[in-house]
Amino acid sequence: MDAEEPTQAGKPTQTEEPAQTVALERGALGLISAVGLASGVLSVLGLSQMNLFYSTGLLFGALIAGYFVVHEGEREILKLALFVTVCLGSLYAAVHVGLLAMEIARALDSSHAERANVAFGVAGAVGAFIVLLAALSLFGAKGPSLRALRYALVGSLGGALLGLIGALWEQAVTPQPAGYLGGVDGIRGALLVWQPGVALLLGLMLQYERR
């Protein structure tokens, strides 16, 4: 009986480990979401100047990179710089593809609000796909892989939903519907919803990919 006691005494420690892991994962998700929200708020404040529009992607990338440095101990400068650059480029890509989608919707005789919803949904999906694929490829356990591609494609659906919610929110709080992806009008709501939402998706995807 005495020989079994250490084993029995050790059991609580084994059962506590998953709970501690879950707590750490939730803390990480909360932190990265807060970083994304801070980026959204700062981006909206910076949009008072038109020339700061595209820098919102740079700001988002820099803050998320800071999360990887502080919370995860990432020290590879090239990885971090590449991620920030990709985030900056993702906004360009999202805007241009979103505007193309808007023109297609215009050709189908949709209303202004409908065109805006399509544009922001498509832009949200494109931006999320690029950011998530970059993060999973650079900071994931397996690096560039088909799994990272699959996760990014799934996450892009969340990005589309976030973009649509942002557009609907903007339409609800302003007299004119969101509709100009290349400027300040209609983009504030999308930034406040999309950036923290994609940051949360990024954290979730990384946790699942690393298991």
C-alpha atoms as a PDB file:
ATOM      1  CA  MET A   1       0.000   0.000   0.000  1.00  0.00           C
ATOM      2  CA  ASP A   2       2.828   2.384   0.881  1.00  0.00           C
ATOM      3  CA  ALA A   3       4.403   1.863  -2.546  1.00  0.00           C
ATOM      4  CA  GLU A   4       1.164   2.959  -4.288  1.00  0.00           C
ATOM      5  CA  GLU A   5       0.797   6.221  -2.405  1.00  0.00           C
ATOM      6  CA  PRO A   6       3.285   8.244  -4.511  1.00  0.00           C
ATOM      7  CA  THR A   7       1.405   7.171  -7.644  1.00  0.00           C
ATOM      8  CA  GLN A   8      -1.948   8.180  -6.149  1.00  0.00           C
ATOM      9  CA  ALA A   9      -0.488  11.416  -4.864  1.00  0.00           C
ATOM     10  CA  GLY A  10       0.836  12.175  -8.337  1.00  0.00           C
ATOM     11  CA  LYS A  11      -2.546  11.774 -10.041  1.00  0.00           C
ATOM     12  CA  PRO A  12      -3.902  15.236  -9.153  1.00  0.00           C
ATOM     13  CA  THR A  13      -0.820  16.791 -10.689  1.00  0.00           C
ATOM     14  CA  GLN A  14      -1.468  14.957 -13.958  1.00  0.00           C
ATOM     15  CA  THR A  15      -5.125  16.010 -14.015  1.00  0.00           C
ATOM     16  CA  GLU A  16      -4.228  19.587 -13.214  1.00  0.00           C
ATOM     17  CA  GLU A  17      -1.918  19.926 -16.227  1.00  0.00           C
ATOM     18  CA  PRO A  18      -4.714  20.069 -18.863  1.00  0.00           C
ATOM     19  CA  ALA A  19      -6.574  22.657 -16.778  1.00  0.00           C
ATOM     20  CA  GLN A  20      -3.451  24.793 -16.533  1.00  0.00           C
ATOM     21  CA  THR A  21      -2.916  24.456 -20.286  1.00  0.00           C
ATOM     22  CA  VAL A  22      -6.495  25.551 -20.978  1.00  0.00           C
ATOM     23  CA  ALA A  23      -6.063  28.560 -18.692  1.00  0.00           C
ATOM     24  CA  LEU A  24      -2.850  29.541 -20.463  1.00  0.00           C
ATOM     25  CA  GLU A  25      -4.477  29.148 -23.873  1.00  0.00           C
ATOM     26  CA  ARG A  26      -7.455  31.280 -22.853  1.00  0.00           C
ATOM     27  CA  GLY A  27      -5.120  33.914 -21.484  1.00  0.00           C
ATOM     28  CA  ALA A  28      -3.194  33.967 -24.756  1.00  0.00           C
ATOM     29  CA  LEU A  29      -6.423  34.295 -26.756  1.00  0.00           C
ATOM     30  CA  GLY A  30      -7.575  37.154 -24.536  1.00  0.00           C
ATOM     31  CA  LEU A  31      -4.236  38.893 -24.913  1.00  0.00           C
ATOM     32  CA  ILE A  32      -3.995  38.612 -28.687  1.00  0.00           C
ATOM     33  CA  SER A  33      -7.630  39.747 -29.025  1.00  0.00           C
ATOM     34  CA  ALA A  34      -6.856  42.776 -26.851  1.00  0.00           C
ATOM     35  CA  VAL A  35      -3.872  43.552 -29.081  1.00  0.00           C
ATOM     36  CA  GLY A  36      -6.148  43.370 -32.120  1.00  0.00           C
ATOM     37  CA  LEU A  37      -8.697  45.657 -30.463  1.00  0.00           C
ATOM     38  CA  ALA A  38      -5.977  48.160 -29.597  1.00  0.00           C
ATOM     39  CA  SER A  39      -4.886  48.096 -33.224  1.00  0.00           C
ATOM     40  CA  GLY A  40      -8.466  48.720 -34.363  1.00  0.00           C
ATOM     41  CA  VAL A  41      -8.926  51.656 -32.004  1.00  0.00           C
ATOM     42  CA  LEU A  42      -5.596  53.219 -32.945  1.00  0.00           C
ATOM     43  CA  SER A  43      -6.335  52.674 -36.635  1.00  0.00           C
ATOM     44  CA  VAL A  44      -9.680  54.454 -36.332  1.00  0.00           C
ATOM     45  CA  LEU A  45      -8.042  57.357 -34.517  1.00  0.00           C
ATOM     46  CA  GLY A  46      -5.401  57.550 -37.252  1.00  0.00           C
ATOM     47  CA  LEU A  47      -8.018  57.619 -40.003  1.00  0.00           C
ATOM     48  CA  SER A  48      -8.639  61.284 -39.356  1.00  0.00           C
ATOM     49  CA  GLN A  49      -5.810  61.671 -41.920  1.00  0.00           C
ATOM     50  CA  MET A  50      -6.350  60.071 -45.313  1.00  0.00           C
ATOM     51  CA  ASN A  51      -2.685  59.290 -45.799  1.00  0.00           C
ATOM     52  CA  LEU A  52      -2.809  56.980 -42.775  1.00  0.00           C
ATOM     53  CA  PHE A  53      -5.324  54.621 -44.386  1.00  0.00           C
ATOM     54  CA  TYR A  54      -2.944  51.938 -45.576  1.00  0.00           C
ATOM     55  CA  SER A  55      -0.780  52.268 -42.482  1.00  0.00           C
ATOM     56  CA  THR A  56      -3.573  50.530 -40.541  1.00  0.00           C
ATOM     57  CA  GLY A  57      -2.291  47.239 -41.966  1.00  0.00           C
ATOM     58  CA  LEU A  58       1.226  48.127 -40.866  1.00  0.00           C
ATOM     59  CA  LEU A  59      -0.003  48.990 -37.367  1.00  0.00           C
ATOM     60  CA  PHE A  60      -1.938  45.727 -37.065  1.00  0.00           C
ATOM     61  CA  GLY A  61       1.053  43.685 -38.198  1.00  0.00           C
ATOM     62  CA  ALA A  62       3.458  45.496 -35.869  1.00  0.00           C
ATOM     63  CA  LEU A  63       1.252  45.041 -32.797  1.00  0.00           C
ATOM     64  CA  ILE A  64       0.633  41.355 -33.503  1.00  0.00           C
ATOM     65  CA  ALA A  65       4.366  40.889 -34.093  1.00  0.00           C
ATOM     66  CA  GLY A  66       4.907  42.539 -30.710  1.00  0.00           C
ATOM     67  CA  TYR A  67       2.612  39.930 -29.175  1.00  0.00           C
ATOM     68  CA  PHE A  68       4.782  37.154 -30.628  1.00  0.00           C
ATOM     69  CA  VAL A  69       7.911  38.814 -29.240  1.00  0.00           C
ATOM     70  CA  VAL A  70       6.617  39.533 -25.736  1.00  0.00           C
ATOM     71  CA  HIS A  71       4.296  36.600 -25.116  1.00  0.00           C
ATOM     72  CA  GLU A  72       5.839  33.813 -27.193  1.00  0.00           C
ATOM     73  CA  GLY A  73       9.491  34.853 -27.096  1.00  0.00           C
ATOM     74  CA  GLU A  74       9.905  35.082 -30.856  1.00  0.00           C
ATOM     75  CA  ARG A  75      13.326  36.519 -31.668  1.00  0.00           C
ATOM     76  CA  GLU A  76      13.775  35.923 -35.404  1.00  0.00           C
ATOM     77  CA  ILE A  77      13.772  39.420 -36.871  1.00  0.00           C
ATOM     78  CA  LEU A  78      13.315  38.266 -40.450  1.00  0.00           C
ATOM     79  CA  LYS A  79      10.169  36.317 -39.543  1.00  0.00           C
ATOM     80  CA  LEU A  80       8.709  39.276 -37.695  1.00  0.00           C
ATOM     81  CA  ALA A  81       9.588  41.733 -40.453  1.00  0.00           C
ATOM     82  CA  LEU A  82       8.095  39.445 -43.096  1.00  0.00           C
ATOM     83  CA  PHE A  83       4.868  39.098 -41.107  1.00  0.00           C
ATOM     84  CA  VAL A  84       4.513  42.878 -40.723  1.00  0.00           C
ATOM     85  CA  THR A  85       5.165  43.350 -44.431  1.00  0.00           C
ATOM     86  CA  VAL A  86       2.552  40.745 -45.337  1.00  0.00           C
ATOM     87  CA  CYS A  87      -0.004  42.438 -43.074  1.00  0.00           C
ATOM     88  CA  LEU A  88       0.656  45.728 -44.838  1.00  0.00           C
ATOM     89  CA  GLY A  89       0.274  44.081 -48.230  1.00  0.00           C
ATOM     90  CA  SER A  90      -2.866  42.232 -47.141  1.00  0.00           C
ATOM     91  CA  LEU A  91      -4.743  45.525 -46.794  1.00  0.00           C
ATOM     92  CA  TYR A  92      -3.803  46.547 -50.332  1.00  0.00           C
ATOM     93  CA  ALA A  93      -4.930  43.170 -51.666  1.00  0.00           C
ATOM     94  CA  ALA A  94      -8.156  43.174 -49.637  1.00  0.00           C
ATOM     95  CA  VAL A  95      -9.104  46.679 -50.779  1.00  0.00           C
ATOM     96  CA  HIS A  96      -8.486  46.018 -54.470  1.00  0.00           C
ATOM     97  CA  VAL A  97     -10.280  42.666 -54.514  1.00  0.00           C
ATOM     98  CA  GLY A  98     -13.128  44.199 -52.492  1.00  0.00           C
ATOM     99  CA  LEU A  99     -13.474  47.042 -54.986  1.00  0.00           C
ATOM    100  CA  LEU A 100     -13.515  44.519 -57.844  1.00  0.00           C
ATOM    101  CA  ALA A 101     -16.303  42.616 -56.068  1.00  0.00           C
ATOM    102  CA  MET A 102     -18.176  45.898 -55.652  1.00  0.00           C
ATOM    103  CA  GLU A 103     -17.976  46.585 -59.379  1.00  0.00           C
ATOM    104  CA  ILE A 104     -19.272  43.101 -60.155  1.00  0.00           C
ATOM    105  CA  ALA A 105     -22.171  43.660 -57.741  1.00  0.00           C
ATOM    106  CA  ARG A 106     -22.833  47.039 -59.388  1.00  0.00           C
ATOM    107  CA  ALA A 107     -23.119  45.333 -62.770  1.00  0.00           C
ATOM    108  CA  LEU A 108     -25.799  43.084 -61.278  1.00  0.00           C
ATOM    109  CA  ASP A 109     -27.934  46.123 -60.382  1.00  0.00           C
ATOM    110  CA  SER A 110     -27.610  45.627 -56.627  1.00  0.00           C
ATOM    111  CA  SER A 111     -28.301  48.451 -54.196  1.00  0.00           C
ATOM    112  CA  HIS A 112     -25.538  50.605 -52.749  1.00  0.00           C
ATOM    113  CA  ALA A 113     -25.812  48.865 -49.373  1.00  0.00           C
ATOM    114  CA  GLU A 114     -25.697  45.432 -51.011  1.00  0.00           C
ATOM    115  CA  ARG A 115     -22.598  46.377 -52.993  1.00  0.00           C
ATOM    116  CA  ALA A 116     -20.931  47.582 -49.806  1.00  0.00           C
ATOM    117  CA  ASN A 117     -21.789  44.365 -47.973  1.00  0.00           C
ATOM    118  CA  VAL A 118     -20.327  42.270 -50.800  1.00  0.00           C
ATOM    119  CA  ALA A 119     -17.206  44.423 -50.963  1.00  0.00           C
ATOM    120  CA  PHE A 120     -16.520  44.332 -47.226  1.00  0.00           C
ATOM    121  CA  GLY A 121     -17.276  40.618 -46.979  1.00  0.00           C
ATOM    122  CA  VAL A 122     -14.880  39.792 -49.813  1.00  0.00           C
ATOM    123  CA  ALA A 123     -12.228  42.185 -48.496  1.00  0.00           C
ATOM    124  CA  GLY A 124     -12.548  40.674 -45.018  1.00  0.00           C
ATOM    125  CA  ALA A 125     -12.080  37.170 -46.400  1.00  0.00           C
ATOM    126  CA  VAL A 126      -9.043  38.092 -48.510  1.00  0.00           C
ATOM    127  CA  GLY A 127      -7.343  39.998 -45.704  1.00  0.00           C
ATOM    128  CA  ALA A 128      -7.955  37.234 -43.162  1.00  0.00           C
ATOM    129  CA  PHE A 129      -6.683  34.524 -45.516  1.00  0.00           C
ATOM    130  CA  ILE A 130      -3.415  36.344 -46.171  1.00  0.00           C
ATOM    131  CA  VAL A 131      -2.769  37.235 -42.526  1.00  0.00           C
ATOM    132  CA  LEU A 132      -3.661  33.785 -41.193  1.00  0.00           C
ATOM    133  CA  LEU A 133      -1.637  31.946 -43.814  1.00  0.00           C
ATOM    134  CA  ALA A 134       1.397  34.123 -43.063  1.00  0.00           C
ATOM    135  CA  ALA A 135       1.076  33.643 -39.290  1.00  0.00           C
ATOM    136  CA  LEU A 136       0.589  29.878 -39.530  1.00  0.00           C
ATOM    137  CA  SER A 137       3.478  29.501 -41.979  1.00  0.00           C
ATOM    138  CA  LEU A 138       5.877  31.668 -39.979  1.00  0.00           C
ATOM    139  CA  PHE A 139       4.929  30.934 -36.362  1.00  0.00           C
ATOM    140  CA  GLY A 140       3.111  27.599 -36.553  1.00  0.00           C
ATOM    141  CA  ALA A 141       4.623  24.320 -35.425  1.00  0.00           C
ATOM    142  CA  LYS A 142       4.737  22.841 -38.924  1.00  0.00           C
ATOM    143  CA  GLY A 143       5.697  25.935 -40.923  1.00  0.00           C
ATOM    144  CA  PRO A 144       4.325  26.273 -44.479  1.00  0.00           C
ATOM    145  CA  SER A 145       2.058  23.291 -45.077  1.00  0.00           C
ATOM    146  CA  LEU A 146      -1.243  22.158 -46.552  1.00  0.00           C
ATOM    147  CA  ARG A 147      -2.627  22.189 -43.031  1.00  0.00           C
ATOM    148  CA  ALA A 148      -1.775  25.867 -42.703  1.00  0.00           C
ATOM    149  CA  LEU A 149      -3.478  26.493 -46.052  1.00  0.00           C
ATOM    150  CA  ARG A 150      -6.626  24.653 -44.913  1.00  0.00           C
ATOM    151  CA  TYR A 151      -6.755  26.559 -41.637  1.00  0.00           C
ATOM    152  CA  ALA A 152      -6.308  29.869 -43.444  1.00  0.00           C
ATOM    153  CA  LEU A 153      -9.131  29.014 -45.866  1.00  0.00           C
ATOM    154  CA  VAL A 154     -11.445  28.187 -42.967  1.00  0.00           C
ATOM    155  CA  GLY A 155     -10.401  31.366 -41.180  1.00  0.00           C
ATOM    156  CA  SER A 156     -11.143  33.416 -44.291  1.00  0.00           C
ATOM    157  CA  LEU A 157     -14.832  32.567 -43.821  1.00  0.00           C
ATOM    158  CA  GLY A 158     -14.628  34.166 -40.400  1.00  0.00           C
ATOM    159  CA  GLY A 159     -12.902  37.163 -41.969  1.00  0.00           C
ATOM    160  CA  ALA A 160     -15.763  37.515 -44.465  1.00  0.00           C
ATOM    161  CA  LEU A 161     -18.301  37.469 -41.643  1.00  0.00           C
ATOM    162  CA  LEU A 162     -16.316  40.045 -39.692  1.00  0.00           C
ATOM    163  CA  GLY A 163     -16.120  42.324 -42.729  1.00  0.00           C
ATOM    164  CA  LEU A 164     -19.861  42.032 -43.273  1.00  0.00           C
ATOM    165  CA  ILE A 165     -20.613  42.770 -39.619  1.00  0.00           C
ATOM    166  CA  GLY A 166     -18.357  45.819 -39.798  1.00  0.00           C
ATOM    167  CA  ALA A 167     -20.179  47.095 -42.890  1.00  0.00           C
ATOM    168  CA  LEU A 168     -23.600  46.553 -41.303  1.00  0.00           C
ATOM    169  CA  TRP A 169     -22.478  48.281 -38.121  1.00  0.00           C
ATOM    170  CA  GLU A 170     -21.242  51.278 -40.074  1.00  0.00           C
ATOM    171  CA  GLN A 171     -24.516  51.478 -41.984  1.00  0.00           C
ATOM    172  CA  ALA A 172     -26.449  51.394 -38.713  1.00  0.00           C
ATOM    173  CA  VAL A 173     -24.572  54.280 -37.102  1.00  0.00           C
ATOM    174  CA  THR A 174     -24.075  56.588 -40.093  1.00  0.00           C
ATOM    175  CA  PRO A 175     -26.699  58.162 -42.374  1.00  0.00           C
ATOM    176  CA  GLN A 176     -24.953  56.892 -45.521  1.00  0.00           C
ATOM    177  CA  PRO A 177     -24.189  53.188 -46.094  1.00  0.00           C
ATOM    178  CA  ALA A 178     -20.578  52.080 -46.111  1.00  0.00           C
ATOM    179  CA  GLY A 179     -19.291  51.959 -49.607  1.00  0.00           C
ATOM    180  CA  TYR A 180     -15.817  53.342 -50.213  1.00  0.00           C
ATOM    181  CA  LEU A 181     -13.092  50.871 -49.342  1.00  0.00           C
ATOM    182  CA  GLY A 182     -10.366  53.252 -50.383  1.00  0.00           C
ATOM    183  CA  GLY A 183     -11.087  55.973 -47.840  1.00  0.00           C
ATOM    184  CA  VAL A 184     -12.291  56.817 -44.370  1.00  0.00           C
ATOM    185  CA  ASP A 185     -16.055  56.553 -44.924  1.00  0.00           C
ATOM    186  CA  GLY A 186     -17.415  53.181 -43.935  1.00  0.00           C
ATOM    187  CA  ILE A 187     -14.108  51.665 -42.842  1.00  0.00           C
ATOM    188  CA  ARG A 188     -14.144  52.520 -39.119  1.00  0.00           C
ATOM    189  CA  GLY A 189     -16.687  49.892 -38.135  1.00  0.00           C
ATOM    190  CA  ALA A 190     -14.941  47.254 -40.210  1.00  0.00           C
ATOM    191  CA  LEU A 191     -11.592  47.953 -38.538  1.00  0.00           C
ATOM    192  CA  LEU A 192     -13.045  47.831 -35.023  1.00  0.00           C
ATOM    193  CA  VAL A 193     -14.676  44.474 -35.757  1.00  0.00           C
ATOM    194  CA  TRP A 194     -12.220  42.858 -38.173  1.00  0.00           C
ATOM    195  CA  GLN A 195      -8.888  43.472 -36.453  1.00  0.00           C
ATOM    196  CA  PRO A 196      -9.702  42.018 -32.996  1.00  0.00           C
ATOM    197  CA  GLY A 197     -11.755  39.268 -34.634  1.00  0.00           C
ATOM    198  CA  VAL A 198      -8.939  38.161 -36.926  1.00  0.00           C
ATOM    199  CA  ALA A 199      -6.466  38.405 -34.042  1.00  0.00           C
ATOM    200  CA  LEU A 200      -8.685  35.986 -32.102  1.00  0.00           C
ATOM    201  CA  LEU A 201      -8.934  33.677 -35.120  1.00  0.00           C
ATOM    202  CA  LEU A 202      -5.160  33.790 -35.455  1.00  0.00           C
ATOM    203  CA  GLY A 203      -4.711  32.732 -31.830  1.00  0.00           C
ATOM    204  CA  LEU A 204      -7.237  29.905 -32.185  1.00  0.00           C
ATOM    205  CA  MET A 205      -5.702  28.630 -35.416  1.00  0.00           C
ATOM    206  CA  LEU A 206      -2.215  28.599 -33.937  1.00  0.00           C
ATOM    207  CA  GLN A 207      -3.379  26.698 -30.858  1.00  0.00           C
ATOM    208  CA  TYR A 208      -5.071  23.996 -32.939  1.00  0.00           C
ATOM    209  CA  GLU A 209      -2.180  23.823 -35.425  1.00  0.00           C
ATOM    210  CA  ARG A 210       0.354  23.321 -32.640  1.00  0.00           C
ATOM    211  CA  ARG A 211      -1.476  20.376 -31.061  1.00  0.00           C
END
